[in-house]
């Protein structure tokens, strides 16, 4: 109970942006109870607050090793890899998180972003397909795929994918994007038809 009370007061200090006070309490806890994953986690959080990313990484790692089933420990570690420009480690962590937490849709989007940033566009597209399979088709996914395919200079495929989406769901935003494209190709009548539908 004593450690729980200490942890609560450390979290209060942390929430009040007093990282030093939080850390000194948390360091006492882990000295006495090195298996206290929550203390390691808040030690990491406090280190981030102070800008000490090296300490933060060690502490996140300790927390994640002690409780690998905790989503947040591993997610924060992955984000730390990301802000310290280690994309390979970041992607690896996210892929593992996704295996363990397949219902967290944000992870898929994070991975798509990471793949795209690394120029792994095929993997990004595959992940978008997975999002559709697991969560169903959305306008957001349709537009994301469209933009990704355009980045890859696969313009025909990009517009074909939007037309496919529109056949099933009809979205004013998608329709006006298709209309703009038809205008740029000087297909005025097709463009007008899209604009009317939108």
C-alpha atoms as a PDB file:
ATOM      1  CA  UNK A   1       0.000   0.000   0.000  1.00  0.00           C
ATOM      2  CA  UNK A   2       2.895   2.333   0.768  1.00  0.00           C
ATOM      3  CA  UNK A   3       4.223   2.033  -2.772  1.00  0.00           C
ATOM      4  CA  UNK A   4       0.745   2.629  -4.163  1.00  0.00           C
ATOM      5  CA  UNK A   5       0.460   5.857  -2.147  1.00  0.00           C
ATOM      6  CA  UNK A   6       3.943   6.896  -3.247  1.00  0.00           C
ATOM      7  CA  UNK A   7       3.010   6.158  -6.858  1.00  0.00           C
ATOM      8  CA  UNK A   8      -0.164   8.250  -6.572  1.00  0.00           C
ATOM      9  CA  UNK A   9       1.716  11.212  -5.198  1.00  0.00           C
ATOM     10  CA  UNK A  10       4.374  10.827  -7.929  1.00  0.00           C
ATOM     11  CA  UNK A  11       1.641  10.849 -10.589  1.00  0.00           C
ATOM     12  CA  UNK A  12       0.169  13.988  -9.000  1.00  0.00           C
ATOM     13  CA  UNK A  13       3.594  15.667  -9.222  1.00  0.00           C
ATOM     14  CA  UNK A  14       3.967  14.499 -12.807  1.00  0.00           C
ATOM     15  CA  UNK A  15       0.507  15.832 -13.720  1.00  0.00           C
ATOM     16  CA  UNK A  16       1.499  19.155 -12.159  1.00  0.00           C
ATOM     17  CA  UNK A  17       4.543  19.168 -14.515  1.00  0.00           C
ATOM     18  CA  UNK A  18       6.953  18.760 -11.602  1.00  0.00           C
ATOM     19  CA  UNK A  19       9.100  16.067 -13.210  1.00  0.00           C
ATOM     20  CA  UNK A  20      11.939  16.328 -10.693  1.00  0.00           C
ATOM     21  CA  UNK A  21       9.713  15.721  -7.675  1.00  0.00           C
ATOM     22  CA  UNK A  22       7.938  12.875  -9.489  1.00  0.00           C
ATOM     23  CA  UNK A  23      11.243  11.254 -10.444  1.00  0.00           C
ATOM     24  CA  UNK A  24      12.684  11.383  -6.962  1.00  0.00           C
ATOM     25  CA  UNK A  25       9.628   9.535  -5.556  1.00  0.00           C
ATOM     26  CA  UNK A  26       9.595   7.041  -8.441  1.00  0.00           C
ATOM     27  CA  UNK A  27      13.309   6.324  -8.084  1.00  0.00           C
ATOM     28  CA  UNK A  28      12.690   5.448  -4.427  1.00  0.00           C
ATOM     29  CA  UNK A  29       9.907   3.059  -5.471  1.00  0.00           C
ATOM     30  CA  UNK A  30      11.948   1.183  -8.095  1.00  0.00           C
ATOM     31  CA  UNK A  31      14.916   0.994  -5.724  1.00  0.00           C
ATOM     32  CA  UNK A  32      12.741  -0.902  -3.243  1.00  0.00           C
ATOM     33  CA  UNK A  33      10.476  -2.636  -5.769  1.00  0.00           C
ATOM     34  CA  UNK A  34      12.250  -3.094  -9.119  1.00  0.00           C
ATOM     35  CA  UNK A  35       9.291  -5.081 -10.518  1.00  0.00           C
ATOM     36  CA  UNK A  36       6.907  -2.134 -10.246  1.00  0.00           C
ATOM     37  CA  UNK A  37       6.062  -1.622 -13.934  1.00  0.00           C
ATOM     38  CA  UNK A  38       3.841   1.423 -13.300  1.00  0.00           C
ATOM     39  CA  UNK A  39       6.673   3.194 -11.472  1.00  0.00           C
ATOM     40  CA  UNK A  40       9.031   2.540 -14.399  1.00  0.00           C
ATOM     41  CA  UNK A  41       6.405   3.827 -16.815  1.00  0.00           C
ATOM     42  CA  UNK A  42       5.908   7.092 -14.931  1.00  0.00           C
ATOM     43  CA  UNK A  43       9.654   7.412 -14.527  1.00  0.00           C
ATOM     44  CA  UNK A  44       9.856   7.246 -18.324  1.00  0.00           C
ATOM     45  CA  UNK A  45       7.034   9.781 -18.698  1.00  0.00           C
ATOM     46  CA  UNK A  46       8.776  12.147 -16.274  1.00  0.00           C
ATOM     47  CA  UNK A  47      12.082  11.746 -18.123  1.00  0.00           C
ATOM     48  CA  UNK A  48      10.322  12.684 -21.375  1.00  0.00           C
ATOM     49  CA  UNK A  49       8.947  15.767 -19.639  1.00  0.00           C
ATOM     50  CA  UNK A  50      12.535  16.720 -18.774  1.00  0.00           C
ATOM     51  CA  UNK A  51      13.750  15.978 -22.278  1.00  0.00           C
ATOM     52  CA  UNK A  52      15.927  13.079 -21.103  1.00  0.00           C
ATOM     53  CA  UNK A  53      15.009  10.612 -23.822  1.00  0.00           C
ATOM     54  CA  UNK A  54      17.775   8.147 -23.068  1.00  0.00           C
ATOM     55  CA  UNK A  55      16.517   7.570 -19.518  1.00  0.00           C
ATOM     56  CA  UNK A  56      12.962   7.529 -20.835  1.00  0.00           C
ATOM     57  CA  UNK A  57      13.806   4.759 -23.269  1.00  0.00           C
ATOM     58  CA  UNK A  58      15.423   2.579 -20.577  1.00  0.00           C
ATOM     59  CA  UNK A  59      12.450   3.064 -18.262  1.00  0.00           C
ATOM     60  CA  UNK A  60       9.828   2.391 -20.960  1.00  0.00           C
ATOM     61  CA  UNK A  61      11.760  -0.743 -21.818  1.00  0.00           C
ATOM     62  CA  UNK A  62      11.755  -1.867 -18.180  1.00  0.00           C
ATOM     63  CA  UNK A  63       7.998  -1.267 -17.927  1.00  0.00           C
ATOM     64  CA  UNK A  64       7.301  -3.094 -21.195  1.00  0.00           C
ATOM     65  CA  UNK A  65       9.522  -6.043 -20.201  1.00  0.00           C
ATOM     66  CA  UNK A  66       7.737  -6.342 -16.869  1.00  0.00           C
ATOM     67  CA  UNK A  67       4.262  -6.176 -18.412  1.00  0.00           C
ATOM     68  CA  UNK A  68       4.373  -6.895 -22.142  1.00  0.00           C
ATOM     69  CA  UNK A  69       0.573  -7.093 -22.231  1.00  0.00           C
ATOM     70  CA  UNK A  70       0.292  -3.383 -21.476  1.00  0.00           C
ATOM     71  CA  UNK A  71      -0.485  -1.545 -24.705  1.00  0.00           C
ATOM     72  CA  UNK A  72       0.636   1.891 -23.497  1.00  0.00           C
ATOM     73  CA  UNK A  73       4.105   0.847 -22.322  1.00  0.00           C
ATOM     74  CA  UNK A  74       4.933  -0.535 -25.730  1.00  0.00           C
ATOM     75  CA  UNK A  75       3.138   2.203 -27.659  1.00  0.00           C
ATOM     76  CA  UNK A  76       5.070   4.951 -25.865  1.00  0.00           C
ATOM     77  CA  UNK A  77       8.327   3.108 -26.484  1.00  0.00           C
ATOM     78  CA  UNK A  78       7.456   2.888 -30.182  1.00  0.00           C
ATOM     79  CA  UNK A  79       6.670   6.620 -30.244  1.00  0.00           C
ATOM     80  CA  UNK A  80      10.007   7.317 -28.571  1.00  0.00           C
ATOM     81  CA  UNK A  81      11.764   5.365 -31.336  1.00  0.00           C
ATOM     82  CA  UNK A  82       9.811   7.476 -33.789  1.00  0.00           C
ATOM     83  CA  UNK A  83      10.790  10.870 -32.326  1.00  0.00           C
ATOM     84  CA  UNK A  84      14.419   9.754 -32.054  1.00  0.00           C
ATOM     85  CA  UNK A  85      14.397   8.927 -35.790  1.00  0.00           C
ATOM     86  CA  UNK A  86      14.659   5.143 -35.665  1.00  0.00           C
ATOM     87  CA  UNK A  87      12.001   4.171 -38.191  1.00  0.00           C
ATOM     88  CA  UNK A  88      12.996   0.485 -38.428  1.00  0.00           C
ATOM     89  CA  UNK A  89      12.542  -0.013 -34.684  1.00  0.00           C
ATOM     90  CA  UNK A  90       9.347   2.028 -34.731  1.00  0.00           C
ATOM     91  CA  UNK A  91       7.832  -0.046 -37.538  1.00  0.00           C
ATOM     92  CA  UNK A  92       8.885  -3.294 -35.870  1.00  0.00           C
ATOM     93  CA  UNK A  93       7.225  -2.230 -32.589  1.00  0.00           C
ATOM     94  CA  UNK A  94       4.031  -1.177 -34.379  1.00  0.00           C
ATOM     95  CA  UNK A  95       3.852  -4.438 -36.322  1.00  0.00           C
ATOM     96  CA  UNK A  96       4.145  -6.394 -33.061  1.00  0.00           C
ATOM     97  CA  UNK A  97       1.558  -4.179 -31.362  1.00  0.00           C
ATOM     98  CA  UNK A  98      -0.824  -4.780 -34.238  1.00  0.00           C
ATOM     99  CA  UNK A  99      -0.393  -8.552 -33.875  1.00  0.00           C
ATOM    100  CA  UNK A 100      -1.270  -8.292 -30.179  1.00  0.00           C
ATOM    101  CA  UNK A 101      -3.960  -5.591 -30.466  1.00  0.00           C
ATOM    102  CA  UNK A 102      -5.608  -6.185 -33.869  1.00  0.00           C
ATOM    103  CA  UNK A 103      -8.727  -4.184 -32.915  1.00  0.00           C
ATOM    104  CA  UNK A 104      -6.872  -0.883 -32.427  1.00  0.00           C
ATOM    105  CA  UNK A 105      -7.553   0.861 -35.718  1.00  0.00           C
ATOM    106  CA  UNK A 106      -5.176   3.769 -34.946  1.00  0.00           C
ATOM    107  CA  UNK A 107      -2.251   1.365 -35.133  1.00  0.00           C
ATOM    108  CA  UNK A 108      -3.047   0.544 -38.750  1.00  0.00           C
ATOM    109  CA  UNK A 109      -3.064   4.224 -39.672  1.00  0.00           C
ATOM    110  CA  UNK A 110       0.167   4.823 -37.741  1.00  0.00           C
ATOM    111  CA  UNK A 111       1.766   1.977 -39.697  1.00  0.00           C
ATOM    112  CA  UNK A 112       0.491   3.290 -43.031  1.00  0.00           C
ATOM    113  CA  UNK A 113       2.084   6.666 -42.195  1.00  0.00           C
ATOM    114  CA  UNK A 114       5.347   5.020 -41.124  1.00  0.00           C
ATOM    115  CA  UNK A 115       5.553   2.850 -44.232  1.00  0.00           C
ATOM    116  CA  UNK A 116       4.786   5.800 -46.491  1.00  0.00           C
ATOM    117  CA  UNK A 117       7.404   7.966 -44.750  1.00  0.00           C
ATOM    118  CA  UNK A 118       9.952   5.201 -45.352  1.00  0.00           C
ATOM    119  CA  UNK A 119       8.938   4.905 -48.985  1.00  0.00           C
ATOM    120  CA  UNK A 120       7.532   1.410 -48.324  1.00  0.00           C
ATOM    121  CA  UNK A 121       4.452   2.283 -50.331  1.00  0.00           C
ATOM    122  CA  UNK A 122       3.457  -1.269 -51.237  1.00  0.00           C
ATOM    123  CA  UNK A 123       3.358  -2.119 -47.530  1.00  0.00           C
ATOM    124  CA  UNK A 124       1.343   1.032 -46.910  1.00  0.00           C
ATOM    125  CA  UNK A 125      -1.186  -0.048 -49.547  1.00  0.00           C
ATOM    126  CA  UNK A 126      -1.328  -3.580 -48.116  1.00  0.00           C
ATOM    127  CA  UNK A 127      -2.053  -2.124 -44.684  1.00  0.00           C
ATOM    128  CA  UNK A 128      -4.847   0.019 -46.121  1.00  0.00           C
ATOM    129  CA  UNK A 129      -6.335  -3.175 -47.580  1.00  0.00           C
ATOM    130  CA  UNK A 130      -6.146  -4.752 -44.133  1.00  0.00           C
ATOM    131  CA  UNK A 131      -7.970  -1.764 -42.627  1.00  0.00           C
ATOM    132  CA  UNK A 132     -10.766  -2.305 -45.138  1.00  0.00           C
ATOM    133  CA  UNK A 133     -10.914  -6.020 -44.433  1.00  0.00           C
ATOM    134  CA  UNK A 134     -11.042  -5.569 -40.658  1.00  0.00           C
ATOM    135  CA  UNK A 135     -13.042  -2.346 -40.309  1.00  0.00           C
ATOM    136  CA  UNK A 136     -14.840  -1.967 -43.628  1.00  0.00           C
ATOM    137  CA  UNK A 137     -14.521   0.680 -46.310  1.00  0.00           C
ATOM    138  CA  UNK A 138     -14.505   4.359 -45.342  1.00  0.00           C
ATOM    139  CA  UNK A 139     -14.117   7.586 -47.257  1.00  0.00           C
ATOM    140  CA  UNK A 140     -10.932   8.273 -45.267  1.00  0.00           C
ATOM    141  CA  UNK A 141      -9.329   5.035 -46.422  1.00  0.00           C
ATOM    142  CA  UNK A 142     -10.466   5.650 -50.009  1.00  0.00           C
ATOM    143  CA  UNK A 143      -8.896   9.128 -50.050  1.00  0.00           C
ATOM    144  CA  UNK A 144      -5.734   7.914 -48.331  1.00  0.00           C
ATOM    145  CA  UNK A 145      -5.274   5.177 -50.947  1.00  0.00           C
ATOM    146  CA  UNK A 146      -5.983   7.703 -53.695  1.00  0.00           C
ATOM    147  CA  UNK A 147      -3.313  10.100 -52.410  1.00  0.00           C
ATOM    148  CA  UNK A 148      -0.810   7.302 -51.895  1.00  0.00           C
ATOM    149  CA  UNK A 149      -1.303   5.988 -55.443  1.00  0.00           C
ATOM    150  CA  UNK A 150      -0.895   9.516 -56.817  1.00  0.00           C
ATOM    151  CA  UNK A 151       2.351   9.882 -54.856  1.00  0.00           C
ATOM    152  CA  UNK A 152       3.472   6.691 -56.605  1.00  0.00           C
ATOM    153  CA  UNK A 153       2.537   8.290 -59.967  1.00  0.00           C
ATOM    154  CA  UNK A 154      -0.094   5.558 -60.435  1.00  0.00           C
ATOM    155  CA  UNK A 155      -2.738   8.105 -61.446  1.00  0.00           C
ATOM    156  CA  UNK A 156      -5.088   5.858 -63.420  1.00  0.00           C
ATOM    157  CA  UNK A 157      -5.157   3.315 -60.626  1.00  0.00           C
ATOM    158  CA  UNK A 158      -5.740   6.121 -58.103  1.00  0.00           C
ATOM    159  CA  UNK A 159      -8.834   7.376 -59.923  1.00  0.00           C
ATOM    160  CA  UNK A 160     -10.055   3.852 -60.651  1.00  0.00           C
ATOM    161  CA  UNK A 161      -9.925   3.110 -56.903  1.00  0.00           C
ATOM    162  CA  UNK A 162     -12.057   6.198 -56.190  1.00  0.00           C
ATOM    163  CA  UNK A 163     -14.555   5.253 -58.878  1.00  0.00           C
ATOM    164  CA  UNK A 164     -14.782   1.787 -57.348  1.00  0.00           C
ATOM    165  CA  UNK A 165     -15.449   3.310 -53.926  1.00  0.00           C
ATOM    166  CA  UNK A 166     -18.032   5.678 -55.365  1.00  0.00           C
ATOM    167  CA  UNK A 167     -19.913   2.864 -57.107  1.00  0.00           C
ATOM    168  CA  UNK A 168     -20.494   1.275 -53.717  1.00  0.00           C
ATOM    169  CA  UNK A 169     -20.876   4.226 -51.370  1.00  0.00           C
ATOM    170  CA  UNK A 170     -21.286   7.521 -53.208  1.00  0.00           C
ATOM    171  CA  UNK A 171     -19.603  10.338 -51.324  1.00  0.00           C
ATOM    172  CA  UNK A 172     -19.836  14.036 -52.292  1.00  0.00           C
ATOM    173  CA  UNK A 173     -16.147  14.525 -51.449  1.00  0.00           C
ATOM    174  CA  UNK A 174     -15.037  11.600 -53.600  1.00  0.00           C
ATOM    175  CA  UNK A 175     -17.376  12.708 -56.399  1.00  0.00           C
ATOM    176  CA  UNK A 176     -15.973  16.228 -56.473  1.00  0.00           C
ATOM    177  CA  UNK A 177     -12.412  14.847 -56.487  1.00  0.00           C
ATOM    178  CA  UNK A 178     -13.348  12.687 -59.486  1.00  0.00           C
ATOM    179  CA  UNK A 179     -15.042  15.670 -61.144  1.00  0.00           C
ATOM    180  CA  UNK A 180     -11.931  17.847 -60.661  1.00  0.00           C
ATOM    181  CA  UNK A 181      -9.867  15.105 -62.281  1.00  0.00           C
ATOM    182  CA  UNK A 182     -12.234  14.823 -65.278  1.00  0.00           C
ATOM    183  CA  UNK A 183     -12.100  18.624 -65.681  1.00  0.00           C
ATOM    184  CA  UNK A 184      -8.306  18.498 -65.705  1.00  0.00           C
ATOM    185  CA  UNK A 185      -8.551  15.868 -68.480  1.00  0.00           C
ATOM    186  CA  UNK A 186     -10.977  18.165 -70.374  1.00  0.00           C
ATOM    187  CA  UNK A 187     -13.802  15.619 -70.072  1.00  0.00           C
ATOM    188  CA  UNK A 188     -16.308  18.336 -69.280  1.00  0.00           C
ATOM    189  CA  UNK A 189     -19.474  16.285 -69.634  1.00  0.00           C
ATOM    190  CA  UNK A 190     -18.188  13.488 -67.371  1.00  0.00           C
ATOM    191  CA  UNK A 191     -17.011  16.091 -64.878  1.00  0.00           C
ATOM    192  CA  UNK A 192     -20.413  17.787 -64.884  1.00  0.00           C
ATOM    193  CA  UNK A 193     -22.130  14.476 -64.310  1.00  0.00           C
ATOM    194  CA  UNK A 194     -19.911  13.922 -61.244  1.00  0.00           C
ATOM    195  CA  UNK A 195     -20.527  17.472 -59.994  1.00  0.00           C
ATOM    196  CA  UNK A 196     -24.302  16.985 -60.404  1.00  0.00           C
ATOM    197  CA  UNK A 197     -24.189  13.732 -58.491  1.00  0.00           C
ATOM    198  CA  UNK A 198     -22.119  15.353 -55.755  1.00  0.00           C
END
